[in-house]
Amino acid sequence: MGSLGKDDREEVIQAWYMDDSDEDQRLPHHRDPKEFVSLDKLAELGVLSWRLDADIYETDEELKKIREARGYSYMDFCEVCPEKLPNYEEKIKNFFEEHLHTDEEIRYCVAGSGYFDVRDRNEAWIRIWVKKGAMIVLPAGIYHRFTLDSDNYIKVHFKGACSTILTPNCNQMVN
């Protein structure tokens, strides 16, 4: 917790209900009026979150404790931007396809920013904006998708019990 009881995670993780617009998926897509979603509400849906120091991810003791407590042994990186990701256009379309996993999905943003969209219990989309230092866990079985924001860059650290966390249930590779 930061000063005056503010949750430090809110500086790197924000969430809101999405509008139904078909405009560019990289836009924020706030409803009018805006309907923000608290980190507590996300936790009720099973979406867990942390704020970590992305500049020291290789030696971060807090990250090490989380990995040990949750049994994460697999790690990998994915940089999503036109210059770094092979077959960028195809992959970004695949990322935005709604899917679910049979295991939880762990994503740690070590650079850049992007959106993870999840469905709430009423099937409404909640957009989760993650920035450098944000780590989220999407629970097994939650429908979700990913897209970049208008900055067009994110470097994500994948974590899990094994490498199968990267293969979604809909048989599309998203890494």
Protein backbone atom coordinates (compact mmCIF):
# COMPACT_ATOMS: atom_id res chain seq x y z
CA MET A 1 0.00 0.00 0.00
CA GLY A 2 1.20 3.49 -0.78
CA SER A 3 0.62 6.74 1.02
CA LEU A 4 -2.89 7.55 2.26
CA GLY A 5 -4.02 3.96 1.74
CA LYS A 6 -3.78 4.09 -2.07
CA ASP A 7 -3.09 0.70 -3.58
CA ASP A 8 0.22 0.87 -5.51
CA ARG A 9 -1.11 -1.67 -8.02
CA GLU A 10 -3.52 0.96 -9.34
CA GLU A 11 -0.56 2.83 -10.85
CA VAL A 12 0.15 -0.09 -13.21
CA ILE A 13 -3.23 -1.87 -13.43
CA GLN A 14 -6.56 -0.25 -14.24
CA ALA A 15 -9.82 -1.89 -15.28
CA TRP A 16 -13.17 -0.81 -16.67
CA TYR A 17 -16.26 -2.12 -18.43
CA MET A 18 -15.92 -1.88 -22.19
CA ASP A 19 -18.27 -0.31 -24.69
CA ASP A 20 -19.58 -2.31 -27.65
CA SER A 21 -17.80 -0.28 -30.32
CA ASP A 22 -16.09 -1.96 -33.28
CA GLU A 23 -13.47 0.81 -33.43
CA ASP A 24 -9.75 0.02 -33.29
CA GLN A 25 -9.22 -2.67 -30.62
CA ARG A 26 -6.17 -0.73 -29.35
CA LEU A 27 -8.35 2.14 -28.09
CA PRO A 28 -9.48 2.18 -24.43
CA HIS A 29 -13.17 1.48 -25.22
CA HIS A 30 -14.61 3.10 -22.10
CA ARG A 31 -18.37 3.14 -21.66
CA ASP A 32 -20.07 6.52 -21.41
CA PRO A 33 -20.14 7.30 -18.57
CA LYS A 34 -16.97 5.45 -17.61
CA GLU A 35 -17.46 2.40 -15.35
CA PHE A 36 -14.22 1.50 -13.60
CA VAL A 37 -13.72 -1.91 -11.99
CA SER A 38 -11.81 -2.20 -8.73
CA LEU A 39 -8.95 -4.62 -8.17
CA ASP A 40 -11.13 -6.19 -5.46
CA LYS A 41 -13.86 -6.86 -8.05
CA LEU A 42 -11.25 -8.43 -10.34
CA ALA A 43 -10.12 -10.62 -7.44
CA GLU A 44 -13.75 -11.77 -6.97
CA LEU A 45 -13.58 -13.00 -10.58
CA GLY A 46 -10.32 -14.81 -9.77
CA VAL A 47 -8.04 -12.25 -11.45
CA LEU A 48 -5.10 -11.76 -9.10
CA SER A 49 -2.65 -8.87 -9.37
CA TRP A 50 0.67 -7.61 -8.09
CA ARG A 51 2.90 -4.62 -8.68
CA LEU A 52 6.53 -5.64 -8.98
CA ASP A 53 9.77 -3.88 -9.89
CA ALA A 54 10.19 -4.82 -13.55
CA ASP A 55 13.71 -3.38 -13.62
CA ILE A 56 14.94 -6.19 -11.33
CA TYR A 57 12.72 -9.10 -12.43
CA GLU A 58 15.76 -11.39 -12.73
CA THR A 59 16.67 -10.97 -9.04
CA ASP A 60 13.37 -9.82 -7.48
CA GLU A 61 12.85 -11.66 -4.18
CA GLU A 62 9.11 -10.86 -4.14
CA LEU A 63 8.72 -12.44 -7.59
CA LYS A 64 10.74 -15.44 -6.44
CA LYS A 65 8.40 -15.90 -3.45
CA ILE A 66 5.31 -15.69 -5.68
CA ARG A 67 6.79 -18.22 -8.11
CA GLU A 68 7.61 -20.64 -5.29
CA ALA A 69 4.25 -20.23 -3.53
CA ARG A 70 2.28 -20.81 -6.77
CA GLY A 71 4.51 -23.55 -8.17
CA TYR A 72 5.66 -21.63 -11.25
CA SER A 73 8.70 -23.28 -12.80
CA TYR A 74 8.28 -22.32 -16.47
CA MET A 75 9.22 -18.85 -17.73
CA ASP A 76 9.41 -17.28 -21.17
CA PHE A 77 9.17 -13.86 -22.82
CA CYS A 78 7.16 -12.48 -25.68
CA GLU A 79 7.70 -9.04 -27.19
CA VAL A 80 4.61 -7.94 -29.07
CA CYS A 81 5.31 -5.23 -31.63
CA PRO A 82 5.61 -5.18 -35.42
CA GLU A 83 9.42 -5.16 -35.32
CA LYS A 84 9.93 -8.07 -32.91
CA LEU A 85 7.07 -10.55 -33.37
CA PRO A 86 7.21 -12.80 -36.45
CA ASN A 87 3.89 -12.90 -38.34
CA TYR A 88 2.78 -9.88 -36.31
CA GLU A 89 -0.54 -9.18 -38.07
CA GLU A 90 -1.64 -12.82 -37.83
CA LYS A 91 -0.54 -13.13 -34.20
CA ILE A 92 -2.23 -9.92 -33.04
CA LYS A 93 -5.50 -11.15 -34.58
CA ASN A 94 -5.07 -14.50 -32.80
CA PHE A 95 -4.36 -12.77 -29.47
CA PHE A 96 -7.68 -10.91 -29.76
CA GLU A 97 -9.72 -14.07 -30.35
CA GLU A 98 -11.74 -14.91 -27.25
CA HIS A 99 -10.47 -18.12 -25.64
CA LEU A 100 -9.88 -19.83 -22.32
CA HIS A 101 -7.23 -22.04 -20.79
CA THR A 102 -7.50 -25.12 -18.61
CA ASP A 103 -4.70 -23.72 -16.41
CA GLU A 104 -4.30 -20.25 -14.98
CA GLU A 105 -2.52 -17.73 -17.21
CA ILE A 106 0.24 -15.64 -15.67
CA ARG A 107 1.45 -12.47 -17.38
CA TYR A 108 4.06 -10.04 -16.04
CA CYS A 109 4.53 -6.81 -18.01
CA VAL A 110 8.23 -5.92 -17.89
CA ALA A 111 8.02 -3.17 -20.55
CA GLY A 112 5.33 -1.34 -22.48
CA SER A 113 1.60 -1.79 -21.93
CA GLY A 114 -1.46 -3.57 -23.24
CA TYR A 115 -4.99 -4.76 -22.56
CA PHE A 116 -6.24 -8.09 -21.25
CA ASP A 117 -10.01 -8.33 -21.63
CA VAL A 118 -11.94 -10.77 -19.42
CA ARG A 119 -15.61 -11.67 -19.21
CA ASP A 120 -17.44 -11.08 -15.95
CA ARG A 121 -20.12 -13.45 -14.64
CA ASN A 122 -22.73 -11.68 -16.79
CA GLU A 123 -20.62 -12.06 -19.97
CA ALA A 124 -19.72 -8.34 -20.08
CA TRP A 125 -16.18 -7.47 -21.12
CA ILE A 126 -13.85 -5.90 -18.57
CA ARG A 127 -10.70 -4.32 -20.01
CA ILE A 128 -7.60 -4.62 -17.82
CA TRP A 129 -4.84 -2.18 -18.75
CA VAL A 130 -1.44 -3.42 -17.63
CA LYS A 131 1.71 -1.32 -17.64
CA LYS A 132 5.34 -1.97 -16.75
CA GLY A 133 5.48 -3.68 -13.35
CA ALA A 134 2.00 -5.24 -13.46
CA MET A 135 1.61 -8.97 -12.97
CA ILE A 136 -1.78 -10.60 -13.32
CA VAL A 137 -3.09 -14.14 -13.04
CA LEU A 138 -6.16 -15.03 -15.07
CA PRO A 139 -7.90 -18.06 -13.56
CA ALA A 140 -8.42 -21.28 -15.48
CA GLY A 141 -11.69 -21.22 -17.39
CA ILE A 142 -12.14 -17.46 -17.71
CA TYR A 143 -12.80 -16.23 -21.23
CA HIS A 144 -10.25 -13.62 -22.22
CA ARG A 145 -8.29 -12.03 -25.04
CA PHE A 146 -5.32 -9.68 -25.44
CA THR A 147 -4.47 -6.64 -27.53
CA LEU A 148 -1.88 -3.93 -27.53
CA ASP A 149 -2.83 -0.39 -26.64
CA SER A 150 -2.07 2.52 -28.97
CA ASP A 151 1.64 2.45 -28.01
CA ASN A 152 1.93 -0.86 -29.95
CA TYR A 153 4.50 -2.45 -27.64
CA ILE A 154 4.58 -4.83 -24.70
CA LYS A 155 7.18 -7.23 -23.36
CA VAL A 156 5.50 -9.91 -21.28
CA HIS A 157 7.08 -12.48 -19.02
CA PHE A 158 5.07 -15.73 -19.11
CA LYS A 159 5.04 -17.93 -16.03
CA GLY A 160 3.46 -21.22 -15.14
CA ALA A 161 3.86 -24.77 -14.00
CA CYS A 162 4.74 -25.88 -17.56
CA SER A 163 4.99 -24.56 -21.11
CA THR A 164 1.44 -25.65 -21.99
CA ILE A 165 0.11 -22.39 -20.56
CA LEU A 166 0.85 -20.83 -23.93
CA THR A 167 -1.57 -23.00 -25.92
CA PRO A 168 -5.19 -21.87 -25.60
CA ASN A 169 -8.13 -24.23 -25.56
CA CYS A 170 -9.26 -23.10 -29.03
CA ASN A 171 -6.12 -24.66 -30.58
CA GLN A 172 -4.59 -21.35 -31.61
CA MET A 173 -1.02 -20.62 -30.65
CA VAL A 174 -0.80 -17.23 -29.00
CA ASN A 175 2.92 -17.00 -28.37
